[in-house]
Structure formats: structure tokens, C-alpha cells
């Protein structure tokens, strides 16, 4: 026996609702991935800056130590 809720319009509405929820979930995942990507990029830049700083510091300190000897 069919209920009043078992019709094509209700099924279509249910499918559209599920599709909308999946789209919202995918948008949320996409924005999270963008934030992760940006964080990784910032971390890479920070590591590069610190590496450059310590590289220059080592070169300068070696020059000073060499001049003292």
C-alpha cells in the first residue's frame, strides 16, 4: 500500500536535498583544503626564511672565527 509520501515529487525532492547536502559538504572540504594549502605554503616560506637566516649566520660566524685565528 502506497503512502501519501511515496510519490515522484517527494522522491525528487529527497534526491535534490541529498545533492544539495553533498554540494555543501564538497564546498566545505574544498575550503578546508585551501586553508591547508595556504598553511603549507606559509610553513614552507617560513622554513626557507629561517634556513636562509641560519645559513648567513654560519657564513658570517665562520668568517669572524677565521679572522680571529
Protein backbone atom coordinates (compact mmCIF):
# COMPACT_ATOMS: atom_id res chain seq x y z
CA UNK A 1 0.00 0.00 0.00
CA UNK A 2 1.36 3.39 -1.01
CA UNK A 3 1.53 6.21 1.46
CA UNK A 4 0.88 9.85 0.56
CA UNK A 5 4.64 10.41 0.78
CA UNK A 6 5.51 7.77 -1.81
CA UNK A 7 5.29 9.81 -4.97
CA UNK A 8 7.72 11.05 -7.58
CA UNK A 9 7.74 14.63 -6.30
CA UNK A 10 8.75 13.53 -2.81
CA UNK A 11 11.46 11.25 -4.16
CA UNK A 12 12.75 14.01 -6.42
CA UNK A 13 12.79 16.46 -3.51
CA UNK A 14 14.71 13.92 -1.40
CA UNK A 15 17.29 13.40 -4.14
CA UNK A 16 17.66 17.16 -4.66
CA UNK A 17 18.11 17.63 -0.92
CA UNK A 18 20.81 14.95 -0.80
CA UNK A 19 22.58 16.50 -3.79
CA UNK A 20 22.47 19.93 -2.13
CA UNK A 21 23.91 18.48 1.09
CA UNK A 22 26.70 16.76 -0.85
CA UNK A 23 27.50 20.00 -2.69
CA UNK A 24 27.71 21.89 0.61
CA UNK A 25 29.95 19.18 2.03
CA UNK A 26 32.20 19.32 -1.03
CA UNK A 27 32.43 23.12 -0.76
CA UNK A 28 33.37 22.78 2.90
CA UNK A 29 36.06 20.21 2.09
CA UNK A 30 37.35 22.44 -0.72
CA UNK A 31 37.65 25.45 1.60
CA UNK A 32 39.44 23.30 4.21
CA UNK A 33 41.88 22.09 1.57
CA UNK A 34 42.51 25.69 0.52
CA UNK A 35 43.33 26.60 4.13
CA UNK A 36 45.65 23.60 4.48
CA UNK A 37 47.35 24.51 1.21
CA UNK A 38 47.84 28.09 2.39
CA UNK A 39 49.24 26.88 5.73
CA UNK A 40 51.70 24.57 3.99
CA UNK A 41 52.79 27.42 1.73
CA UNK A 42 53.31 29.70 4.76
CA UNK A 43 55.25 26.99 6.57
CA UNK A 44 57.47 26.41 3.52
CA UNK A 45 58.19 30.14 3.28
CA UNK A 46 58.97 30.30 6.99
CA UNK A 47 61.33 27.33 6.78
CA UNK A 48 63.08 28.91 3.79
CA UNK A 49 63.49 32.22 5.64
CA UNK A 50 64.93 30.54 8.76
CA UNK A 51 67.24 28.38 6.63
CA UNK A 52 68.49 31.45 4.82
CA UNK A 53 68.99 33.31 8.13
CA UNK A 54 70.98 30.49 9.74
CA UNK A 55 72.99 29.93 6.54
CA UNK A 56 74.06 33.56 6.51
CA UNK A 57 74.72 33.42 10.27
CA UNK A 58 77.01 30.39 9.84
CA UNK A 59 78.91 32.02 6.98
CA UNK A 60 79.40 35.26 8.93
CA UNK A 61 80.43 33.47 12.12
CA UNK A 62 82.91 31.31 10.20
CA UNK A 63 84.37 34.48 8.70
CA UNK A 64 84.70 36.11 12.12
CA UNK A 65 86.23 32.99 13.67
CA UNK A 66 88.61 32.64 10.73
CA UNK A 67 89.67 36.27 11.09
CA UNK A 68 90.34 35.78 14.81
CA UNK A 69 92.59 32.80 14.23
